[in-house]
Amino acid sequence: MINFILAAYGLTFILIHGKIFESLRPNKDPNKMWTLLFYCPLCMGFWVGVFLFCVNNQTELFTFDYTIANFFICGWISAGTSYLISMLVDDFGLRIPQKETNCNCSQRKIK
């Protein structure tokens, strides 16, 4: 399962952020909902999971029976984990939210 999850996240990340697919990715247009697929790790993650399910007999990394339930489950697992990992990790490592401080240091008068 971990191989499937990592392969799904890797492929999702490459399709959404990879330079190699930049010229193939359509411009983001809210009026054309299908274009948002190429910018959403949750949406693209689902279809990557479905793709990996369809090619699972071509690899020894993971194998699933070809059933309609596994079709959807692979899509859901891929979508959820791709989204989760993309929210936790970015190009610079773990995303650690920075807390804002309410220090008005520029307005503080020094005596």
PDB file of N, CA and C in Angstrom:
ATOM      1  N   MET A   1       0.826  -1.194   0.000  1.00  0.00           N
ATOM      2  CA  MET A   1       0.000   0.000   0.000  1.00  0.00           C
ATOM      3  C   MET A   1       0.874   1.263   0.000  1.00  0.00           C
ATOM      4  N   ILE A   2       1.979   1.227   0.736  1.00  0.00           N
ATOM      5  CA  ILE A   2       2.848   2.409   0.791  1.00  0.00           C
ATOM      6  C   ILE A   2       3.443   2.697  -0.589  1.00  0.00           C
ATOM      7  N   ASN A   3       3.764   1.644  -1.348  1.00  0.00           N
ATOM      8  CA  ASN A   3       4.266   1.846  -2.716  1.00  0.00           C
ATOM      9  C   ASN A   3       3.224   2.536  -3.584  1.00  0.00           C
ATOM     10  N   PHE A   4       1.975   2.111  -3.451  1.00  0.00           N
ATOM     11  CA  PHE A   4       0.890   2.712  -4.216  1.00  0.00           C
ATOM     12  C   PHE A   4       0.729   4.183  -3.844  1.00  0.00           C
ATOM     13  N   ILE A   5       0.731   4.482  -2.562  1.00  0.00           N
ATOM     14  CA  ILE A   5       0.539   5.853  -2.087  1.00  0.00           C
ATOM     15  C   ILE A   5       1.675   6.756  -2.573  1.00  0.00           C
ATOM     16  N   LEU A   6       2.917   6.293  -2.442  1.00  0.00           N
ATOM     17  CA  LEU A   6       4.056   7.108  -2.873  1.00  0.00           C
ATOM     18  C   LEU A   6       4.075   7.295  -4.389  1.00  0.00           C
ATOM     19  N   ALA A   7       3.731   6.245  -5.139  1.00  0.00           N
ATOM     20  CA  ALA A   7       3.666   6.367  -6.595  1.00  0.00           C
ATOM     21  C   ALA A   7       2.562   7.341  -6.996  1.00  0.00           C
ATOM     22  N   ALA A   8       1.426   7.255  -6.326  1.00  0.00           N
ATOM     23  CA  ALA A   8       0.302   8.147  -6.622  1.00  0.00           C
ATOM     24  C   ALA A   8       0.660   9.595  -6.318  1.00  0.00           C
ATOM     25  N   TYR A   9       1.270   9.835  -5.169  1.00  0.00           N
ATOM     26  CA  TYR A   9       1.661  11.207  -4.822  1.00  0.00           C
ATOM     27  C   TYR A   9       2.708  11.731  -5.802  1.00  0.00           C
ATOM     28  N   GLY A  10       3.690  10.904  -6.119  1.00  0.00           N
ATOM     29  CA  GLY A  10       4.746  11.332  -7.039  1.00  0.00           C
ATOM     30  C   GLY A  10       4.195  11.713  -8.397  1.00  0.00           C
ATOM     31  N   LEU A  11       3.342  10.877  -8.954  1.00  0.00           N
ATOM     32  CA  LEU A  11       2.766  11.167 -10.260  1.00  0.00           C
ATOM     33  C   LEU A  11       1.851  12.389 -10.195  1.00  0.00           C
ATOM     34  N   THR A  12       1.065  12.504  -9.146  1.00  0.00           N
ATOM     35  CA  THR A  12       0.190  13.671  -8.986  1.00  0.00           C
ATOM     36  C   THR A  12       1.010  14.949  -8.919  1.00  0.00           C
ATOM     37  N   PHE A  13       2.083  14.933  -8.123  1.00  0.00           N
ATOM     38  CA  PHE A  13       2.935  16.116  -7.968  1.00  0.00           C
ATOM     39  C   PHE A  13       3.562  16.505  -9.305  1.00  0.00           C
ATOM     40  N   ILE A  14       4.059  15.513 -10.037  1.00  0.00           N
ATOM     41  CA  ILE A  14       4.682  15.796 -11.335  1.00  0.00           C
ATOM     42  C   ILE A  14       3.667  16.389 -12.311  1.00  0.00           C
ATOM     43  N   LEU A  15       2.463  15.832 -12.354  1.00  0.00           N
ATOM     44  CA  LEU A  15       1.451  16.334 -13.282  1.00  0.00           C
ATOM     45  C   LEU A  15       1.001  17.749 -12.941  1.00  0.00           C
ATOM     46  N   ILE A  16       0.921  18.074 -11.658  1.00  0.00           N
ATOM     47  CA  ILE A  16       0.432  19.387 -11.244  1.00  0.00           C
ATOM     48  C   ILE A  16       1.533  20.446 -11.257  1.00  0.00           C
ATOM     49  N   HIS A  17       2.743  20.080 -10.825  1.00  0.00           N
ATOM     50  CA  HIS A  17       3.801  21.076 -10.648  1.00  0.00           C
ATOM     51  C   HIS A  17       4.990  20.906 -11.580  1.00  0.00           C
ATOM     52  N   GLY A  18       5.101  19.783 -12.266  1.00  0.00           N
ATOM     53  CA  GLY A  18       6.281  19.499 -13.065  1.00  0.00           C
ATOM     54  C   GLY A  18       6.456  20.420 -14.258  1.00  0.00           C
ATOM     55  N   LYS A  19       7.678  20.873 -14.450  1.00  0.00           N
ATOM     56  CA  LYS A  19       8.019  21.749 -15.570  1.00  0.00           C
ATOM     57  C   LYS A  19       7.772  21.048 -16.908  1.00  0.00           C
ATOM     58  N   ILE A  20       8.009  19.746 -16.937  1.00  0.00           N
ATOM     59  CA  ILE A  20       7.890  18.989 -18.180  1.00  0.00           C
ATOM     60  C   ILE A  20       6.464  19.007 -18.743  1.00  0.00           C
ATOM     61  N   PHE A  21       5.464  19.141 -17.877  1.00  0.00           N
ATOM     62  CA  PHE A  21       4.071  19.162 -18.323  1.00  0.00           C
ATOM     63  C   PHE A  21       3.491  20.572 -18.404  1.00  0.00           C
ATOM     64  N   GLU A  22       4.315  21.591 -18.166  1.00  0.00           N
ATOM     65  CA  GLU A  22       3.834  22.969 -18.152  1.00  0.00           C
ATOM     66  C   GLU A  22       3.174  23.372 -19.474  1.00  0.00           C
ATOM     67  N   SER A  23       3.767  22.950 -20.597  1.00  0.00           N
ATOM     68  CA  SER A  23       3.210  23.339 -21.898  1.00  0.00           C
ATOM     69  C   SER A  23       1.922  22.565 -22.224  1.00  0.00           C
ATOM     70  N   LEU A  24       1.725  21.420 -21.591  1.00  0.00           N
ATOM     71  CA  LEU A  24       0.521  20.619 -21.829  1.00  0.00           C
ATOM     72  C   LEU A  24      -0.637  21.006 -20.913  1.00  0.00           C
ATOM     73  N   ARG A  25      -0.304  21.615 -19.763  1.00  0.00           N
ATOM     74  CA  ARG A  25      -1.324  21.995 -18.788  1.00  0.00           C
ATOM     75  C   ARG A  25      -2.136  23.167 -19.308  1.00  0.00           C
ATOM     76  N   PRO A  26      -3.475  23.055 -19.336  1.00  0.00           N
ATOM     77  CA  PRO A  26      -4.284  24.191 -19.800  1.00  0.00           C
ATOM     78  C   PRO A  26      -4.261  25.317 -18.771  1.00  0.00           C
ATOM     79  N   ASN A  27      -4.537  26.530 -19.236  1.00  0.00           N
ATOM     80  CA  ASN A  27      -4.628  27.651 -18.306  1.00  0.00           C
ATOM     81  C   ASN A  27      -5.794  27.438 -17.366  1.00  0.00           C
ATOM     82  N   LYS A  28      -5.619  27.859 -16.124  1.00  0.00           N
ATOM     83  CA  LYS A  28      -6.661  27.711 -15.109  1.00  0.00           C
ATOM     84  C   LYS A  28      -7.813  28.661 -15.446  1.00  0.00           C
ATOM     85  N   ASP A  29      -8.988  28.099 -15.675  1.00  0.00           N
ATOM     86  CA  ASP A  29     -10.163  28.876 -16.047  1.00  0.00           C
ATOM     87  C   ASP A  29     -11.360  28.383 -15.242  1.00  0.00           C
ATOM     88  N   PRO A  30     -11.840  29.201 -14.268  1.00  0.00           N
ATOM     89  CA  PRO A  30     -12.977  28.778 -13.444  1.00  0.00           C
ATOM     90  C   PRO A  30     -14.247  28.515 -14.252  1.00  0.00           C
ATOM     91  N   ASN A  31     -14.349  29.083 -15.448  1.00  0.00           N
ATOM     92  CA  ASN A  31     -15.523  28.845 -16.290  1.00  0.00           C
ATOM     93  C   ASN A  31     -15.474  27.478 -16.962  1.00  0.00           C
ATOM     94  N   LYS A  32     -14.289  26.906 -17.057  1.00  0.00           N
ATOM     95  CA  LYS A  32     -14.112  25.561 -17.609  1.00  0.00           C
ATOM     96  C   LYS A  32     -13.605  24.681 -16.477  1.00  0.00           C
ATOM     97  N   MET A  33     -14.519  24.045 -15.800  1.00  0.00           N
ATOM     98  CA  MET A  33     -14.184  23.298 -14.581  1.00  0.00           C
ATOM     99  C   MET A  33     -13.115  22.234 -14.807  1.00  0.00           C
ATOM    100  N   TRP A  34     -13.065  21.620 -15.983  1.00  0.00           N
ATOM    101  CA  TRP A  34     -12.099  20.552 -16.229  1.00  0.00           C
ATOM    102  C   TRP A  34     -10.672  21.058 -16.159  1.00  0.00           C
ATOM    103  N   THR A  35     -10.451  22.376 -16.406  1.00  0.00           N
ATOM    104  CA  THR A  35      -9.085  22.909 -16.334  1.00  0.00           C
ATOM    105  C   THR A  35      -8.574  22.948 -14.898  1.00  0.00           C
ATOM    106  N   LEU A  36      -9.470  23.017 -13.932  1.00  0.00           N
ATOM    107  CA  LEU A  36      -9.064  23.054 -12.525  1.00  0.00           C
ATOM    108  C   LEU A  36      -8.463  21.723 -12.083  1.00  0.00           C
ATOM    109  N   LEU A  37      -8.788  20.651 -12.780  1.00  0.00           N
ATOM    110  CA  LEU A  37      -8.243  19.333 -12.492  1.00  0.00           C
ATOM    111  C   LEU A  37      -6.720  19.358 -12.482  1.00  0.00           C
ATOM    112  N   PHE A  38      -6.116  20.138 -13.359  1.00  0.00           N
ATOM    113  CA  PHE A  38      -4.672  20.166 -13.517  1.00  0.00           C
ATOM    114  C   PHE A  38      -3.969  21.018 -12.463  1.00  0.00           C
ATOM    115  N   TYR A  39      -4.728  21.584 -11.531  1.00  0.00           N
ATOM    116  CA  TYR A  39      -4.156  22.416 -10.473  1.00  0.00           C
ATOM    117  C   TYR A  39      -4.572  21.950  -9.084  1.00  0.00           C
ATOM    118  N   CYS A  40      -5.304  20.849  -9.011  1.00  0.00           N
ATOM    119  CA  CYS A  40      -5.875  20.366  -7.754  1.00  0.00           C
ATOM    120  C   CYS A  40      -5.316  18.980  -7.416  1.00  0.00           C
ATOM    121  N   PRO A  41      -4.555  18.855  -6.322  1.00  0.00           N
ATOM    122  CA  PRO A  41      -4.013  17.539  -5.977  1.00  0.00           C
ATOM    123  C   PRO A  41      -5.088  16.526  -5.590  1.00  0.00           C
ATOM    124  N   LEU A  42      -6.205  16.988  -5.093  1.00  0.00           N
ATOM    125  CA  LEU A  42      -7.297  16.084  -4.738  1.00  0.00           C
ATOM    126  C   LEU A  42      -7.937  15.508  -6.005  1.00  0.00           C
ATOM    127  N   CYS A  43      -8.255  16.371  -6.947  1.00  0.00           N
ATOM    128  CA  CYS A  43      -8.893  15.931  -8.204  1.00  0.00           C
ATOM    129  C   CYS A  43      -7.949  15.084  -9.045  1.00  0.00           C
ATOM    130  N   MET A  44      -6.757  15.605  -9.269  1.00  0.00           N
ATOM    131  CA  MET A  44      -5.790  14.863 -10.079  1.00  0.00           C
ATOM    132  C   MET A  44      -5.394  13.574  -9.375  1.00  0.00           C
ATOM    133  N   GLY A  45      -5.317  13.614  -8.052  1.00  0.00           N
ATOM    134  CA  GLY A  45      -4.975  12.423  -7.285  1.00  0.00           C
ATOM    135  C   GLY A  45      -5.947  11.286  -7.513  1.00  0.00           C
ATOM    136  N   PHE A  46      -7.230  11.607  -7.622  1.00  0.00           N
ATOM    137  CA  PHE A  46      -8.222  10.561  -7.882  1.00  0.00           C
ATOM    138  C   PHE A  46      -7.945   9.878  -9.216  1.00  0.00           C
ATOM    139  N   TRP A  47      -7.738  10.667 -10.262  1.00  0.00           N
ATOM    140  CA  TRP A  47      -7.535  10.091 -11.592  1.00  0.00           C
ATOM    141  C   TRP A  47      -6.193   9.382 -11.705  1.00  0.00           C
ATOM    142  N   VAL A  48      -5.203   9.842 -10.956  1.00  0.00           N
ATOM    143  CA  VAL A  48      -3.927   9.116 -10.900  1.00  0.00           C
ATOM    144  C   VAL A  48      -4.138   7.755 -10.250  1.00  0.00           C
ATOM    145  N   GLY A  49      -4.918   7.689  -9.187  1.00  0.00           N
ATOM    146  CA  GLY A  49      -5.227   6.421  -8.535  1.00  0.00           C
ATOM    147  C   GLY A  49      -5.946   5.465  -9.463  1.00  0.00           C
ATOM    148  N   VAL A  50      -6.879   5.989 -10.232  1.00  0.00           N
ATOM    149  CA  VAL A  50      -7.596   5.169 -11.210  1.00  0.00           C
ATOM    150  C   VAL A  50      -6.629   4.668 -12.282  1.00  0.00           C
ATOM    151  N   PHE A  51      -5.735   5.548 -12.754  1.00  0.00           N
ATOM    152  CA  PHE A  51      -4.737   5.141 -13.747  1.00  0.00           C
ATOM    153  C   PHE A  51      -3.834   4.038 -13.190  1.00  0.00           C
ATOM    154  N   LEU A  52      -3.351   4.211 -11.958  1.00  0.00           N
ATOM    155  CA  LEU A  52      -2.484   3.194 -11.360  1.00  0.00           C
ATOM    156  C   LEU A  52      -3.232   1.877 -11.168  1.00  0.00           C
ATOM    157  N   PHE A  53      -4.497   1.955 -10.834  1.00  0.00           N
ATOM    158  CA  PHE A  53      -5.304   0.735 -10.736  1.00  0.00           C
ATOM    159  C   PHE A  53      -5.361   0.024 -12.090  1.00  0.00           C
ATOM    160  N   CYS A  54      -5.548   0.799 -13.142  1.00  0.00           N
ATOM    161  CA  CYS A  54      -5.671   0.209 -14.481  1.00  0.00           C
ATOM    162  C   CYS A  54      -4.376  -0.433 -14.964  1.00  0.00           C
ATOM    163  N   VAL A  55      -3.234   0.067 -14.512  1.00  0.00           N
ATOM    164  CA  VAL A  55      -1.951  -0.490 -14.967  1.00  0.00           C
ATOM    165  C   VAL A  55      -1.316  -1.408 -13.921  1.00  0.00           C
ATOM    166  N   ASN A  56      -2.053  -1.769 -12.886  1.00  0.00           N
ATOM    167  CA  ASN A  56      -1.439  -2.524 -11.791  1.00  0.00           C
ATOM    168  C   ASN A  56      -0.966  -3.913 -12.210  1.00  0.00           C
ATOM    169  N   ASN A  57      -1.491  -4.476 -13.295  1.00  0.00           N
ATOM    170  CA  ASN A  57      -0.990  -5.785 -13.732  1.00  0.00           C
ATOM    171  C   ASN A  57       0.343  -5.669 -14.473  1.00  0.00           C
ATOM    172  N   GLN A  58       0.790  -4.436 -14.743  1.00  0.00           N
ATOM    173  CA  GLN A  58       2.060  -4.197 -15.422  1.00  0.00           C
ATOM    174  C   GLN A  58       3.219  -3.989 -14.449  1.00  0.00           C
ATOM    175  N   THR A  59       2.947  -4.011 -13.151  1.00  0.00           N
ATOM    176  CA  THR A  59       3.976  -3.746 -12.150  1.00  0.00           C
ATOM    177  C   THR A  59       3.925  -4.789 -11.043  1.00  0.00           C
ATOM    178  N   GLU A  60       5.033  -4.937 -10.367  1.00  0.00           N
ATOM    179  CA  GLU A  60       5.084  -5.829  -9.210  1.00  0.00           C
ATOM    180  C   GLU A  60       5.080  -5.037  -7.904  1.00  0.00           C
ATOM    181  N   LEU A  61       5.021  -3.722  -8.000  1.00  0.00           N
ATOM    182  CA  LEU A  61       5.018  -2.882  -6.803  1.00  0.00           C
ATOM    183  C   LEU A  61       3.719  -3.003  -6.019  1.00  0.00           C
ATOM    184  N   PHE A  62       2.604  -3.131  -6.724  1.00  0.00           N
ATOM    185  CA  PHE A  62       1.305  -3.294  -6.085  1.00  0.00           C
ATOM    186  C   PHE A  62       0.396  -4.052  -7.039  1.00  0.00           C
ATOM    187  N   THR A  63      -0.473  -4.861  -6.473  1.00  0.00           N
ATOM    188  CA  THR A  63      -1.436  -5.600  -7.287  1.00  0.00           C
ATOM    189  C   THR A  63      -2.791  -5.574  -6.605  1.00  0.00           C
ATOM    190  N   PHE A  64      -3.799  -5.320  -7.389  1.00  0.00           N
ATOM    191  CA  PHE A  64      -5.166  -5.289  -6.903  1.00  0.00           C
ATOM    192  C   PHE A  64      -6.022  -6.101  -7.860  1.00  0.00           C
ATOM    193  N   ASP A  65      -7.044  -6.742  -7.341  1.00  0.00           N
ATOM    194  CA  ASP A  65      -8.006  -7.413  -8.206  1.00  0.00           C
ATOM    195  C   ASP A  65      -8.770  -6.357  -8.990  1.00  0.00           C
ATOM    196  N   TYR A  66      -9.089  -6.680 -10.233  1.00  0.00           N
ATOM    197  CA  TYR A  66      -9.857  -5.760 -11.066  1.00  0.00           C
ATOM    198  C   TYR A  66     -11.334  -5.875 -10.728  1.00  0.00           C
ATOM    199  N   THR A  67     -11.761  -5.047  -9.769  1.00  0.00           N
ATOM    200  CA  THR A  67     -13.172  -4.962  -9.406  1.00  0.00           C
ATOM    201  C   THR A  67     -13.575  -3.498  -9.388  1.00  0.00           C
ATOM    202  N   ILE A  68     -14.850  -3.240  -9.508  1.00  0.00           N
ATOM    203  CA  ILE A  68     -15.334  -1.852  -9.488  1.00  0.00           C
ATOM    204  C   ILE A  68     -15.061  -1.204  -8.130  1.00  0.00           C
ATOM    205  N   ALA A  69     -15.146  -1.989  -7.069  1.00  0.00           N
ATOM    206  CA  ALA A  69     -14.858  -1.451  -5.731  1.00  0.00           C
ATOM    207  C   ALA A  69     -13.402  -1.005  -5.648  1.00  0.00           C
ATOM    208  N   ASN A  70     -12.470  -1.828  -6.115  1.00  0.00           N
ATOM    209  CA  ASN A  70     -11.053  -1.457  -6.075  1.00  0.00           C
ATOM    210  C   ASN A  70     -10.751  -0.265  -6.975  1.00  0.00           C
ATOM    211  N   PHE A  71     -11.481  -0.156  -8.079  1.00  0.00           N
ATOM    212  CA  PHE A  71     -11.349   0.999  -8.970  1.00  0.00           C
ATOM    213  C   PHE A  71     -11.553   2.291  -8.182  1.00  0.00           C
ATOM    214  N   PHE A  72     -12.669   2.373  -7.462  1.00  0.00           N
ATOM    215  CA  PHE A  72     -12.971   3.577  -6.690  1.00  0.00           C
ATOM    216  C   PHE A  72     -12.075   3.715  -5.468  1.00  0.00           C
ATOM    217  N   ILE A  73     -11.806   2.620  -4.785  1.00  0.00           N
ATOM    218  CA  ILE A  73     -10.975   2.686  -3.578  1.00  0.00           C
ATOM    219  C   ILE A  73      -9.566   3.187  -3.910  1.00  0.00           C
ATOM    220  N   CYS A  74      -8.996   2.719  -5.005  1.00  0.00           N
ATOM    221  CA  CYS A  74      -7.670   3.202  -5.412  1.00  0.00           C
ATOM    222  C   CYS A  74      -7.715   4.704  -5.720  1.00  0.00           C
ATOM    223  N   GLY A  75      -8.776   5.150  -6.375  1.00  0.00           N
ATOM    224  CA  GLY A  75      -8.933   6.579  -6.646  1.00  0.00           C
ATOM    225  C   GLY A  75      -9.055   7.383  -5.369  1.00  0.00           C
ATOM    226  N   TRP A  76      -9.845   6.885  -4.428  1.00  0.00           N
ATOM    227  CA  TRP A  76     -10.049   7.606  -3.168  1.00  0.00           C
ATOM    228  C   TRP A  76      -8.780   7.642  -2.319  1.00  0.00           C
ATOM    229  N   ILE A  77      -8.094   6.523  -2.242  1.00  0.00           N
ATOM    230  CA  ILE A  77      -6.845   6.479  -1.464  1.00  0.00           C
ATOM    231  C   ILE A  77      -5.834   7.444  -2.068  1.00  0.00           C
ATOM    232  N   SER A  78      -5.705   7.411  -3.374  1.00  0.00           N
ATOM    233  CA  SER A  78      -4.764   8.291  -4.049  1.00  0.00           C
ATOM    234  C   SER A  78      -5.137   9.756  -3.858  1.00  0.00           C
ATOM    235  N   ALA A  79      -6.407  10.084  -4.008  1.00  0.00           N
ATOM    236  CA  ALA A  79      -6.857  11.469  -3.848  1.00  0.00           C
ATOM    237  C   ALA A  79      -6.590  11.966  -2.431  1.00  0.00           C
ATOM    238  N   GLY A  80      -6.996  11.186  -1.450  1.00  0.00           N
ATOM    239  CA  GLY A  80      -6.836  11.610  -0.058  1.00  0.00           C
ATOM    240  C   GLY A  80      -5.390  11.756   0.354  1.00  0.00           C
ATOM    241  N   THR A  81      -4.575  10.778   0.014  1.00  0.00           N
ATOM    242  CA  THR A  81      -3.172  10.846   0.445  1.00  0.00           C
ATOM    243  C   THR A  81      -2.391  11.873  -0.359  1.00  0.00           C
ATOM    244  N   SER A  82      -2.703  12.042  -1.644  1.00  0.00           N
ATOM    245  CA  SER A  82      -2.020  13.068  -2.442  1.00  0.00           C
ATOM    246  C   SER A  82      -2.335  14.454  -1.888  1.00  0.00           C
ATOM    247  N   TYR A  83      -3.592  14.685  -1.536  1.00  0.00           N
ATOM    248  CA  TYR A  83      -3.976  15.975  -0.964  1.00  0.00           C
ATOM    249  C   TYR A  83      -3.311  16.177   0.398  1.00  0.00           C
ATOM    250  N   LEU A  84      -3.366  15.154   1.236  1.00  0.00           N
ATOM    251  CA  LEU A  84      -2.781  15.269   2.575  1.00  0.00           C
ATOM    252  C   LEU A  84      -1.286  15.556   2.507  1.00  0.00           C
ATOM    253  N   ILE A  85      -0.578  14.793   1.708  1.00  0.00           N
ATOM    254  CA  ILE A  85       0.869  15.005   1.609  1.00  0.00           C
ATOM    255  C   ILE A  85       1.178  16.370   1.011  1.00  0.00           C
ATOM    256  N   SER A  86       0.402  16.807   0.023  1.00  0.00           N
ATOM    257  CA  SER A  86       0.661  18.118  -0.583  1.00  0.00           C
ATOM    258  C   SER A  86       0.377  19.264   0.394  1.00  0.00           C
ATOM    259  N   MET A  87      -0.491  19.040   1.370  1.00  0.00           N
ATOM    260  CA  MET A  87      -0.743  20.057   2.385  1.00  0.00           C
ATOM    261  C   MET A  87       0.338  20.066   3.480  1.00  0.00           C
ATOM    262  N   LEU A  88       1.046  18.952   3.625  1.00  0.00           N
ATOM    263  CA  LEU A  88       2.074  18.842   4.657  1.00  0.00           C
ATOM    264  C   LEU A  88       3.486  19.142   4.160  1.00  0.00           C
ATOM    265  N   VAL A  89       3.703  18.976   2.855  1.00  0.00           N
ATOM    266  CA  VAL A  89       5.047  19.091   2.293  1.00  0.00           C
ATOM    267  C   VAL A  89       5.025  20.044   1.107  1.00  0.00           C
ATOM    268  N   ASP A  90       6.077  20.865   0.984  1.00  0.00           N
ATOM    269  CA  ASP A  90       6.250  21.671  -0.222  1.00  0.00           C
ATOM    270  C   ASP A  90       7.683  21.509  -0.713  1.00  0.00           C
ATOM    271  N   ASP A  91       8.109  22.337  -1.627  1.00  0.00           N
ATOM    272  CA  ASP A  91       9.444  22.207  -2.214  1.00  0.00           C
ATOM    273  C   ASP A  91      10.569  22.363  -1.197  1.00  0.00           C
ATOM    274  N   PHE A  92      10.286  22.976  -0.072  1.00  0.00           N
ATOM    275  CA  PHE A  92      11.315  23.256   0.921  1.00  0.00           C
ATOM    276  C   PHE A  92      11.241  22.338   2.132  1.00  0.00           C
ATOM    277  N   GLY A  93      10.426  21.308   2.074  1.00  0.00           N
ATOM    278  CA  GLY A  93      10.284  20.364   3.183  1.00  0.00           C
ATOM    279  C   GLY A  93       8.916  20.478   3.828  1.00  0.00           C
ATOM    280  N   LEU A  94       8.866  20.211   5.131  1.00  0.00           N
ATOM    281  CA  LEU A  94       7.588  20.281   5.855  1.00  0.00           C
ATOM    282  C   LEU A  94       7.075  21.707   5.903  1.00  0.00           C
ATOM    283  N   ARG A  95       5.780  21.841   5.700  1.00  0.00           N
ATOM    284  CA  ARG A  95       5.157  23.166   5.832  1.00  0.00           C
ATOM    285  C   ARG A  95       4.918  23.420   7.303  1.00  0.00           C
ATOM    286  N   ILE A  96       5.548  24.445   7.816  1.00  0.00           N
ATOM    287  CA  ILE A  96       5.371  24.822   9.210  1.00  0.00           C
ATOM    288  C   ILE A  96       4.787  26.230   9.207  1.00  0.00           C
ATOM    289  N   PRO A  97       3.536  26.355   9.637  1.00  0.00           N
ATOM    290  CA  PRO A  97       2.919  27.688   9.617  1.00  0.00           C
ATOM    291  C   PRO A  97       3.642  28.638  10.568  1.00  0.00           C
ATOM    292  N   GLN A  98       3.849  29.840  10.089  1.00  0.00           N
ATOM    293  CA  GLN A  98       4.498  30.873  10.897  1.00  0.00           C
ATOM    294  C   GLN A  98       3.425  31.700  11.592  1.00  0.00           C
ATOM    295  N   LYS A  99       3.559  31.841  12.891  1.00  0.00           N
ATOM    296  CA  LYS A  99       2.595  32.649  13.636  1.00  0.00           C
ATOM    297  C   LYS A  99       2.957  34.121  13.508  1.00  0.00           C
ATOM    298  N   GLU A 100       1.934  34.927  13.321  1.00  0.00           N
ATOM    299  CA  GLU A 100       2.160  36.363  13.260  1.00  0.00           C
ATOM    300  C   GLU A 100       2.275  36.904  14.675  1.00  0.00           C
ATOM    301  N   THR A 101       3.152  37.856  14.825  1.00  0.00           N
ATOM    302  CA  THR A 101       3.258  38.523  16.119  1.00  0.00           C
ATOM    303  C   THR A 101       2.652  39.903  15.984  1.00  0.00           C
ATOM    304  N   ASN A 102       2.030  40.354  17.019  1.00  0.00           N
ATOM    305  CA  ASN A 102       1.395  41.674  17.011  1.00  0.00           C
ATOM    306  C   ASN A 102       2.331  42.718  17.601  1.00  0.00           C
ATOM    307  N   CYS A 103       3.579  42.611  17.306  1.00  0.00           N
ATOM    308  CA  CYS A 103       4.569  43.551  17.796  1.00  0.00           C
ATOM    309  C   CYS A 103       4.683  44.704  16.813  1.00  0.00           C
ATOM    310  N   ASN A 104       4.349  45.875  17.237  1.00  0.00           N
ATOM    311  CA  ASN A 104       4.484  47.058  16.401  1.00  0.00           C
ATOM    312  C   ASN A 104       5.834  47.688  16.673  1.00  0.00           C
ATOM    313  N   CYS A 105       6.871  46.977  16.311  1.00  0.00           N
ATOM    314  CA  CYS A 105       8.231  47.397  16.621  1.00  0.00           C
ATOM    315  C   CYS A 105       8.569  48.732  15.962  1.00  0.00           C
ATOM    316  N   SER A 106       8.044  49.006  14.791  1.00  0.00           N
ATOM    317  CA  SER A 106       8.351  50.251  14.111  1.00  0.00           C
ATOM    318  C   SER A 106       7.683  51.449  14.803  1.00  0.00           C
ATOM    319  N   GLN A 107       6.641  51.184  15.573  1.00  0.00           N
ATOM    320  CA  GLN A 107       5.954  52.269  16.246  1.00  0.00           C
ATOM    321  C   GLN A 107       6.448  52.436  17.688  1.00  0.00           C
ATOM    322  N   ARG A 108       7.271  51.533  18.145  1.00  0.00           N
ATOM    323  CA  ARG A 108       7.782  51.599  19.496  1.00  0.00           C
ATOM    324  C   ARG A 108       8.834  52.706  19.594  1.00  0.00           C
ATOM    325  N   LYS A 109       8.704  53.564  20.582  1.00  0.00           N
ATOM    326  CA  LYS A 109       9.668  54.655  20.757  1.00  0.00           C
ATOM    327  C   LYS A 109      10.780  54.184  21.680  1.00  0.00           C
ATOM    328  N   ILE A 110      11.995  54.431  21.245  1.00  0.00           N
ATOM    329  CA  ILE A 110      13.149  54.063  22.055  1.00  0.00           C
ATOM    330  C   ILE A 110      13.613  55.295  22.793  1.00  0.00           C
ATOM    331  N   LYS A 111      13.765  55.168  24.107  1.00  0.00           N
ATOM    332  CA  LYS A 111      14.182  56.299  24.934  1.00  0.00           C
ATOM    333  C   LYS A 111      15.653  56.288  25.149  1.00  0.00           C
TER     334      LYS A 111
END
